[in-house]
Protein backbone atom coordinates (compact mmCIF):
# COMPACT_ATOMS: atom_id res chain seq x y z
CA MET A 1 7.30 10.48 -25.53
CA ARG A 2 4.43 7.96 -24.88
CA LEU A 3 5.57 4.51 -24.66
CA GLY A 4 2.28 2.58 -24.07
CA LEU A 5 2.84 -1.01 -24.03
CA LEU A 6 6.30 -0.20 -24.54
CA ARG A 7 5.97 0.16 -20.13
CA HIS A 8 5.21 -3.28 -19.89
CA HIS A 9 8.18 -5.38 -19.19
CA ASP A 10 7.01 -8.92 -20.99
CA PHE A 11 5.98 -7.31 -24.83
CA ARG A 12 9.44 -5.33 -24.10
CA GLN A 13 10.91 -8.25 -24.66
CA LEU A 14 8.73 -9.67 -27.27
CA PHE A 15 9.32 -6.43 -28.93
CA VAL A 16 13.14 -6.19 -28.23
CA ALA A 17 13.25 -10.00 -29.58
CA ASP A 18 11.31 -9.58 -33.00
CA THR A 19 13.75 -6.17 -33.54
CA ILE A 20 16.45 -8.49 -33.87
CA SER A 21 15.29 -11.30 -35.29
CA GLN A 22 13.73 -9.11 -37.93
CA PHE A 23 16.94 -7.57 -38.76
CA GLY A 24 18.57 -10.63 -39.36
CA THR A 25 15.81 -11.68 -41.36
CA GLN A 26 16.40 -9.51 -44.14
CA VAL A 27 20.12 -10.40 -44.58
CA SER A 28 18.72 -13.89 -45.18
CA ILE A 29 15.81 -12.49 -47.52
CA LEU A 30 18.37 -11.04 -49.51
CA ALA A 31 20.84 -13.45 -49.02
CA LEU A 32 19.21 -17.14 -49.90
CA PRO A 33 18.07 -16.06 -53.25
CA LEU A 34 21.48 -14.06 -54.04
CA ILE A 35 23.65 -17.41 -53.06
CA ALA A 36 21.64 -19.54 -55.40
CA VAL A 37 22.55 -16.75 -58.51
CA LEU A 38 25.63 -15.51 -57.92
CA VAL A 39 27.33 -18.32 -55.82
CA LEU A 40 25.21 -21.46 -57.07
CA HIS A 41 24.41 -19.62 -60.48
CA ALA A 42 20.60 -21.19 -60.71
CA ASP A 43 18.37 -20.20 -63.41
CA PRO A 44 15.11 -19.24 -62.45
CA LEU A 45 13.38 -21.87 -62.71
CA GLU A 46 15.59 -23.14 -59.24
CA VAL A 47 15.23 -19.67 -57.69
CA GLY A 48 11.25 -19.85 -58.23
CA VAL A 49 11.63 -23.87 -56.32
CA LEU A 50 13.79 -22.05 -53.71
CA ALA A 51 11.07 -19.23 -53.24
CA ALA A 52 8.41 -22.04 -52.76
CA CYS A 53 10.48 -24.00 -50.14
CA GLU A 54 10.60 -20.93 -48.10
CA THR A 55 6.66 -21.26 -47.58
CA ALA A 56 5.58 -24.63 -48.19
CA ALA A 57 5.85 -25.89 -44.82
CA PHE A 58 2.27 -23.49 -44.77
CA LEU A 59 0.77 -26.07 -46.88
CA LEU A 60 2.68 -29.26 -45.25
CA VAL A 61 1.91 -28.41 -41.97
CA GLY A 62 0.03 -25.44 -41.66
CA LEU A 63 -3.16 -26.93 -39.92
CA PRO A 64 -2.28 -29.93 -37.51
CA ALA A 65 -0.05 -27.06 -36.30
CA GLY A 66 -2.64 -24.90 -35.20
CA ALA A 67 -4.03 -27.56 -33.18
CA TRP A 68 -0.68 -28.55 -31.80
CA VAL A 69 -0.17 -24.55 -30.89
CA ASP A 70 -3.53 -24.68 -28.76
CA ARG A 71 -2.22 -28.19 -26.67
CA MET A 72 1.05 -26.08 -25.80
CA ARG A 73 2.97 -23.23 -23.77
CA ARG A 74 3.11 -20.61 -26.50
CA ARG A 75 5.93 -19.07 -25.11
CA ASN A 76 7.69 -22.26 -25.33
CA VAL A 77 6.88 -22.83 -28.58
CA LEU A 78 8.74 -19.65 -29.74
CA ILE A 79 11.79 -20.24 -28.04
CA VAL A 80 11.86 -23.63 -30.34
CA GLY A 81 11.22 -22.14 -33.19
CA ASP A 82 13.52 -19.69 -32.85
CA LEU A 83 17.06 -21.76 -31.72
CA GLY A 84 15.66 -24.30 -34.76
CA ARG A 85 15.58 -21.88 -36.97
CA ALA A 86 19.19 -20.62 -35.76
CA VAL A 87 20.63 -24.01 -36.45
CA LEU A 88 19.52 -24.14 -39.96
CA LEU A 89 20.44 -21.12 -41.33
CA GLY A 90 23.82 -21.38 -39.45
CA SER A 91 24.79 -24.84 -41.43
CA VAL A 92 24.77 -22.31 -44.74
CA PRO A 93 27.74 -20.65 -44.19
CA VAL A 94 29.46 -23.66 -42.92
CA ALA A 95 28.92 -25.48 -46.06
CA TRP A 96 30.04 -22.81 -48.22
CA TRP A 97 33.39 -22.59 -46.18
CA LEU A 98 33.88 -26.66 -46.76
CA GLY A 99 33.47 -26.13 -50.18
CA VAL A 100 29.82 -28.43 -50.53
CA LEU A 101 26.89 -25.94 -50.59
CA THR A 102 24.52 -27.03 -53.04
CA MET A 103 20.89 -26.05 -54.14
CA PRO A 104 19.63 -29.18 -52.64
CA GLN A 105 21.02 -27.52 -49.07
CA LEU A 106 19.43 -24.79 -49.86
CA TYR A 107 16.33 -26.16 -50.84
CA ALA A 108 16.55 -27.89 -47.68
CA VAL A 109 17.51 -25.22 -45.27
CA ALA A 110 14.78 -23.26 -46.86
CA LEU A 111 12.62 -25.77 -46.35
CA LEU A 112 12.89 -26.48 -42.31
CA THR A 113 13.21 -23.21 -41.57
CA GLY A 114 9.78 -22.50 -43.01
CA VAL A 115 8.59 -25.47 -40.85
CA PHE A 116 9.80 -24.03 -37.71
CA THR A 117 8.63 -20.66 -39.19
CA VAL A 118 4.73 -21.77 -38.89
CA PHE A 119 5.06 -22.71 -35.40
CA PHE A 120 6.52 -19.77 -34.13
CA ASP A 121 4.01 -17.36 -36.18
CA VAL A 122 1.14 -19.40 -35.39
CA ALA A 123 1.98 -19.43 -31.54
CA TYR A 124 3.05 -15.43 -31.92
CA GLN A 125 0.12 -14.20 -33.38
CA SER A 126 -2.21 -16.40 -30.55
CA TYR A 127 0.22 -15.59 -27.40
CA LEU A 128 -0.19 -11.48 -28.06
CA PRO A 129 -4.00 -11.31 -26.74
CA HIS A 130 -2.43 -13.87 -23.59
CA LEU A 131 0.28 -11.46 -23.17
CA VAL A 132 -1.14 -7.55 -23.86
CA GLY A 133 -4.99 -8.19 -23.81
CA ARG A 134 -7.51 -7.79 -26.47
CA GLU A 135 -8.47 -4.58 -25.69
CA ASN A 136 -4.42 -3.71 -26.99
CA LEU A 137 -4.54 -5.51 -30.14
CA VAL A 138 -3.99 -3.05 -32.64
CA GLU A 139 -1.31 -1.01 -30.59
CA GLY A 140 -0.05 -4.50 -29.59
CA ASN A 141 0.23 -5.74 -33.56
CA SER A 142 1.00 -1.57 -34.44
CA ASN A 143 3.97 -1.53 -32.63
CA LEU A 144 5.22 -4.67 -34.08
CA GLU A 145 4.29 -3.97 -37.33
CA ALA A 146 6.36 -0.50 -37.28
CA VAL A 147 9.61 -2.85 -35.63
CA ARG A 148 9.11 -5.20 -38.97
CA GLY A 149 9.06 -1.59 -40.96
CA VAL A 150 12.34 -0.35 -39.35
CA ASN A 151 14.19 -3.12 -39.78
CA GLN A 152 12.64 -3.10 -43.48
CA VAL A 153 14.25 -0.04 -44.41
CA ALA A 154 17.66 -0.10 -42.89
CA GLY A 155 17.94 -3.70 -43.68
CA PRO A 156 17.80 -4.28 -47.14
CA THR A 157 20.28 -1.82 -47.56
CA ALA A 158 22.67 -3.10 -44.81
CA ALA A 159 21.96 -6.72 -45.87
CA GLY A 160 22.99 -5.63 -49.66
CA LEU A 161 26.11 -3.82 -48.06
CA LEU A 162 26.84 -6.78 -45.53
CA ILE A 163 26.55 -9.26 -48.41
CA GLY A 164 28.95 -7.41 -50.65
CA TRP A 165 31.28 -7.03 -48.08
CA LEU A 166 31.37 -10.57 -46.27
CA THR A 167 29.62 -12.34 -49.20
CA ALA A 168 26.22 -13.87 -49.02
CA PRO A 169 26.96 -17.31 -47.46
CA VAL A 170 28.83 -15.34 -44.46
CA ALA A 171 26.32 -12.53 -44.02
CA VAL A 172 23.95 -15.52 -43.17
CA VAL A 173 25.25 -15.72 -40.11
CA VAL A 174 23.61 -12.34 -38.97
CA ASP A 175 20.44 -13.82 -39.25
CA ALA A 176 21.41 -17.29 -37.16
CA ALA A 177 22.78 -14.82 -34.50
CA SER A 178 19.65 -13.23 -34.39
CA PHE A 179 17.37 -15.73 -33.94
CA ALA A 180 19.84 -17.03 -31.09
CA GLY A 181 19.29 -13.58 -29.65
CA SER A 182 15.37 -13.57 -29.92
CA ALA A 183 15.02 -16.72 -28.15
CA LEU A 184 16.83 -14.88 -25.30
CA PHE A 185 14.54 -12.50 -24.76
CA VAL A 186 11.48 -14.45 -25.12
CA GLY A 187 12.70 -16.26 -22.49
CA LEU A 188 13.03 -13.18 -20.18
CA ILE A 189 9.42 -12.88 -20.55
CA ARG A 190 7.91 -13.51 -17.27
CA LYS A 191 4.29 -13.93 -17.49
CA ARG A 192 3.84 -17.58 -18.11
CA GLU A 193 0.59 -19.45 -19.46
CA PRO A 194 -1.01 -22.52 -17.70
CA LYS A 195 -0.46 -25.40 -19.82
CA PRO A 196 -3.99 -25.81 -22.19
CA GLU A 197 -5.97 -28.73 -20.51
CA ARG A 198 -6.54 -31.20 -22.83
CA LYS A 199 -9.93 -33.17 -23.33
CA PRO A 200 -10.18 -36.81 -22.89
CA ASP A 201 -12.00 -36.86 -25.95
CA ALA A 202 -9.42 -34.64 -28.19
CA HIS A 203 -8.87 -35.55 -31.64
CA LEU A 204 -6.62 -33.81 -33.64
CA GLY A 205 -8.58 -34.39 -36.76
CA ARG A 206 -11.79 -32.69 -35.47
CA GLU A 207 -9.33 -30.19 -34.00
CA ILE A 208 -8.28 -28.90 -37.15
CA ALA A 209 -12.07 -29.40 -38.79
CA GLU A 210 -13.12 -27.07 -36.08
CA GLY A 211 -10.83 -24.16 -37.28
CA LEU A 212 -11.43 -25.06 -40.51
CA ARG A 213 -15.57 -24.07 -39.37
CA PHE A 214 -14.78 -21.60 -37.67
CA VAL A 215 -12.85 -19.25 -40.29
CA TRP A 216 -14.19 -20.44 -43.71
CA GLY A 217 -17.88 -20.69 -42.45
CA ASN A 218 -17.35 -16.95 -40.70
CA ARG A 219 -18.18 -14.65 -43.96
CA LEU A 220 -16.22 -12.00 -43.06
CA LEU A 221 -13.12 -14.10 -42.33
CA ARG A 222 -13.81 -16.09 -45.32
CA ALA A 223 -13.26 -12.90 -47.29
CA ILE A 224 -10.04 -12.15 -45.65
CA ALA A 225 -8.70 -15.38 -46.47
CA MET A 226 -9.75 -15.24 -50.57
CA CYS A 227 -8.45 -11.55 -50.80
CA THR A 228 -5.28 -12.24 -48.69
CA GLY A 229 -4.72 -15.71 -50.26
CA SER A 230 -4.81 -14.66 -54.58
CA SER A 231 -2.62 -11.48 -53.06
CA ASN A 232 0.21 -13.81 -51.71
CA LEU A 233 -0.23 -16.09 -55.04
CA PHE A 234 0.10 -12.95 -57.39
CA SER A 235 2.94 -10.89 -55.11
CA ASN A 236 5.21 -14.66 -55.08
CA ILE A 237 4.70 -15.07 -58.68
CA ILE A 238 6.53 -11.32 -59.02
CA ALA A 239 8.95 -12.24 -56.15
CA ALA A 240 10.32 -15.50 -57.22
CA VAL A 241 12.04 -13.22 -60.62
CA LEU A 242 12.60 -9.99 -59.60
CA VAL A 243 15.62 -10.49 -57.62
CA VAL A 244 16.74 -12.60 -61.09
CA LEU A 245 16.01 -9.17 -63.06
CA LEU A 246 18.13 -6.80 -60.37
CA ALA A 247 21.20 -9.21 -60.05
CA ARG A 248 21.03 -10.65 -63.00
CA ASP A 249 19.45 -8.87 -66.07
CA LEU A 250 20.10 -5.06 -64.94
CA ARG A 251 23.58 -6.19 -63.50
CA LEU A 252 23.04 -4.47 -59.79
CA SER A 253 24.88 -4.61 -56.99
CA PRO A 254 23.97 -6.05 -53.64
CA GLY A 255 23.73 -2.99 -52.21
CA MET A 256 21.71 -1.46 -54.67
CA ILE A 257 19.52 -3.87 -54.70
CA GLY A 258 19.17 -3.62 -51.20
CA LEU A 259 18.71 -0.09 -51.39
CA PHE A 260 15.17 -0.88 -54.07
CA PHE A 261 13.94 -3.10 -51.51
CA SER A 262 14.20 -0.53 -48.76
CA PHE A 263 11.82 1.65 -50.54
CA GLY A 264 9.28 -1.09 -49.80
CA ALA A 265 10.07 -1.01 -46.08
CA VAL A 266 9.74 2.45 -45.89
CA GLY A 267 6.40 2.06 -46.90
CA GLY A 268 5.77 -0.47 -44.57
CA LEU A 269 6.71 1.52 -41.71
CA ILE A 270 4.94 4.40 -43.12
CA GLY A 271 1.69 1.60 -43.39
CA ALA A 272 2.27 0.33 -39.66
CA LEU A 273 2.57 4.14 -38.19
CA VAL A 274 -0.88 5.28 -40.04
CA ALA A 275 -3.32 2.00 -39.70
CA THR A 276 -5.07 2.72 -36.39
CA ARG A 277 -5.42 6.70 -37.35
CA VAL A 278 -6.58 5.06 -41.09
CA ALA A 279 -8.76 2.56 -39.31
CA ALA A 280 -10.30 5.45 -37.45
CA ARG A 281 -11.09 7.85 -39.54
CA ILE A 282 -12.36 5.47 -42.76
CA GLY A 283 -14.06 2.77 -40.27
CA GLN A 284 -12.24 -0.90 -39.67
CA GLY A 285 -13.90 -2.23 -42.58
CA PRO A 286 -12.94 -0.05 -45.10
CA ALA A 287 -8.98 0.56 -43.86
CA ILE A 288 -8.97 -3.61 -44.93
CA TRP A 289 -10.41 -2.96 -48.96
CA ILE A 290 -9.42 0.57 -49.64
CA PRO A 291 -5.42 0.38 -49.11
CA VAL A 292 -5.19 -2.95 -51.28
CA ALA A 293 -7.50 -1.36 -54.03
CA VAL A 294 -5.71 1.81 -53.97
CA SER A 295 -1.99 0.52 -53.64
CA GLY A 296 -2.49 -2.77 -56.25
CA PRO A 297 -2.11 -0.82 -59.80
CA PHE A 298 1.48 0.30 -58.61
CA GLN A 299 2.57 -3.12 -59.05
CA LEU A 300 2.56 -2.58 -62.50
CA LEU A 301 5.72 -0.39 -62.43
CA PHE A 302 7.68 -3.61 -61.38
CA PRO A 303 8.09 -4.66 -65.13
CA LEU A 304 9.31 -1.15 -66.27
CA ALA A 305 12.40 -1.20 -64.18
CA GLN A 306 15.76 -0.16 -65.82
CA ARG A 307 18.89 1.49 -65.04
CA GLY A 308 17.97 4.93 -64.25
CA TRP A 309 14.91 6.71 -63.30
CA LEU A 310 12.51 3.96 -64.31
CA LEU A 311 14.29 1.92 -61.42
CA TRP A 312 13.62 4.29 -58.96
CA ALA A 313 9.90 4.55 -60.72
CA ALA A 314 9.51 0.96 -59.94
CA ALA A 315 11.14 1.34 -56.06
CA ALA A 316 8.56 4.28 -55.70
CA GLY A 317 5.58 1.56 -56.73
CA TYR A 318 6.87 -0.69 -54.39
CA PHE A 319 6.91 1.78 -51.55
CA VAL A 320 2.85 3.06 -51.84
CA TYR A 321 1.71 -0.83 -52.42
CA ALA A 322 3.85 -1.53 -49.34
CA VAL A 323 1.95 1.55 -47.45
CA GLY A 324 -1.77 -0.34 -48.64
CA VAL A 325 -0.52 -4.34 -47.70
CA VAL A 326 0.65 -2.72 -44.23
CA VAL A 327 -2.46 -1.10 -43.26
CA TYR A 328 -4.41 -3.88 -44.56
CA ASN A 329 -2.45 -6.45 -42.47
CA VAL A 330 -2.72 -4.60 -39.18
CA THR A 331 -6.63 -3.80 -39.55
CA GLN A 332 -7.08 -7.49 -40.52
CA VAL A 333 -4.89 -9.08 -37.89
CA SER A 334 -5.69 -7.55 -35.19
CA PHE A 335 -9.76 -8.08 -35.81
CA ARG A 336 -9.10 -11.86 -36.66
CA GLN A 337 -7.27 -11.94 -33.15
CA GLY A 338 -10.30 -10.28 -31.51
CA LEU A 339 -12.91 -12.25 -32.93
CA THR A 340 -11.33 -15.38 -32.27
CA PRO A 341 -12.24 -17.09 -28.79
CA GLU A 342 -8.82 -18.03 -27.14
CA ARG A 343 -9.25 -21.54 -27.23
CA LEU A 344 -9.28 -21.78 -30.61
CA LEU A 345 -6.69 -18.62 -31.70
CA GLY A 346 -4.09 -21.43 -32.76
CA ARG A 347 -6.23 -23.56 -34.88
CA MET A 348 -7.78 -19.59 -36.68
CA ASN A 349 -4.37 -18.38 -37.32
CA ALA A 350 -2.89 -21.87 -38.35
CA THR A 351 -5.77 -22.10 -40.76
CA MET A 352 -5.62 -18.45 -42.13
CA ARG A 353 -2.10 -19.16 -42.61
CA PHE A 354 -2.65 -22.87 -44.51
CA LEU A 355 -5.42 -20.88 -46.19
CA VAL A 356 -3.27 -17.55 -47.07
CA TRP A 357 0.01 -18.64 -46.90
CA GLY A 358 -0.18 -21.69 -48.78
CA THR A 359 -0.99 -19.78 -51.87
CA MET A 360 2.75 -18.42 -51.56
CA PRO A 361 4.87 -21.83 -53.21
CA ILE A 362 2.93 -22.31 -55.67
CA GLY A 363 3.11 -18.60 -56.31
CA GLY A 364 6.78 -19.01 -56.47
CA LEU A 365 6.73 -21.90 -58.47
CA ILE A 366 4.78 -20.30 -61.27
CA GLY A 367 6.73 -17.62 -61.16
CA GLY A 368 10.11 -19.47 -61.48
CA VAL A 369 8.42 -21.98 -64.30
CA LEU A 370 7.07 -18.61 -65.99
CA GLY A 371 10.06 -17.01 -65.56
CA LYS A 372 12.09 -19.53 -67.60
CA TYR A 373 9.91 -20.36 -69.96
CA VAL A 374 8.03 -17.32 -70.71
CA GLY A 375 10.50 -14.29 -69.74
CA ILE A 376 11.25 -12.23 -66.68
CA ARG A 377 9.11 -8.92 -67.54
CA GLU A 378 6.63 -11.07 -68.65
CA THR A 379 6.21 -12.49 -65.90
CA LEU A 380 5.95 -9.72 -63.58
CA TRP A 381 3.27 -7.98 -65.85
CA ILE A 382 1.48 -11.24 -65.55
CA GLY A 383 1.40 -11.15 -61.58
CA ALA A 384 1.03 -7.35 -61.72
CA ILE A 385 -1.97 -7.54 -63.42
CA CYS A 386 -4.09 -10.41 -61.78
CA GLY A 387 -2.83 -8.40 -58.41
CA MET A 388 -4.93 -5.51 -59.16
CA PHE A 389 -8.15 -7.40 -58.30
CA THR A 390 -7.27 -9.55 -55.52
CA PHE A 391 -9.22 -6.87 -53.03
CA LEU A 392 -12.58 -7.74 -54.46
CA PRO A 393 -13.34 -10.58 -52.46
CA VAL A 394 -13.45 -7.89 -49.38
CA PHE A 395 -14.90 -5.23 -51.39
CA LEU A 396 -17.71 -7.33 -52.64
CA SER A 397 -18.08 -8.80 -48.36
CA PRO A 398 -20.11 -6.59 -46.03
CA LEU A 399 -16.42 -5.48 -44.76
CA ARG A 400 -17.18 -3.10 -47.41
CA SER A 401 -18.71 -0.49 -45.36
CA MET A 402 -18.69 -1.73 -41.75
CA ARG A 403 -17.17 1.08 -39.63
CA GLU A 404 -16.64 -1.12 -36.75
CA LEU A 405 -16.25 -4.45 -36.60
CA PRO A 406 -17.59 -7.46 -34.35
CA THR A 407 -15.30 -8.91 -31.91
CA GLY A 408 -15.86 -12.18 -29.89
CA HIS A 409 -18.64 -10.83 -27.95
CA ASP A 410 -20.85 -10.74 -30.81
CA GLU A 411 -19.12 -13.07 -33.23
CA GLU A 412 -21.13 -14.32 -36.23
CA PRO A 413 -21.64 -17.90 -35.66
CA ALA A 414 -19.67 -20.45 -37.70
CA LEU A 415 -21.60 -22.18 -40.46
CA ALA A 416 -21.31 -25.84 -41.11
CA LEU A 417 -18.88 -26.32 -43.73
């Protein structure tokens, strides 16, 4: 068996930490909206607001987070991010047990957990090149996406069964414990970063602007940002109401809902396993736009879901869509990391997160409003039809035919804003 990077102690600790926290996260992804729908009897708008709160931090602190992370040791940021999320999520079952759990608390937990997630994700993507070297980025990202895929396969089904057994609020304890375990393994990483030197004339605003110029001034990164941002907008319109359709309208059990989402997880796992080979076969540029273009139309099966075979047809569509998304993500994230100078990694990742994840709370709010005032299935149609065209920014860019993408040694110079 070829272990590759898993032979290396430090990457193995990161790998184990990610495995633990990803499994726990699957519980909360399903448990928080089910708490809202089944325990607090939230309507579609309230569920949409909850979905928006989960990602609003990328709009609120996304840009300065990159500049701050570039000033800190990234390993420490990862540990604090894990511990902060463990405490916040642990407050949900405590409040439920005391009989004081409310939607405003769920909103606050989702929002503040999102803040810690922003810093964790920016530091995480910026730390990987330091940990494994730029020449191993595709393998490192593929391994970590495979972890995500495996957990997404087992996680939703296990989460549904766990929620049915323990109730959704108590099941959130699993996620809180997983973040604490993740912090423990990150702490076992031996390789230490030198503390970044802060220039005497350092200025937060100028540092943020430099990250923006680097991303938006590079036409390849700009195309990726437009593709990912629009895809996240429409997929979150769908996500805001899909759980409502499954839990309220179709009256599926938590276990069946978890099984439905596991189909997408299997697709994600397969996408992670084949991403490197797809890029080698068709070229790195085509491996960015073709998976999105081919998989997007399969979202049209979501609004057709009914009890019976149509439910599993929609699940199969979710499977194909997930394959395309993960192949796209592995390829474009590895390209971004390889292109960016070390000193700009945090700001590049934060700027990209701001641009592409900042659309997610907007999508959640739009989905909630449309779900309440237009209808659940109508909202799914809107998100699915619009989502078919998100590949166009990368298709209309030079990425369309580039078999080999530039690296940090031959990067295209950023243009002035």
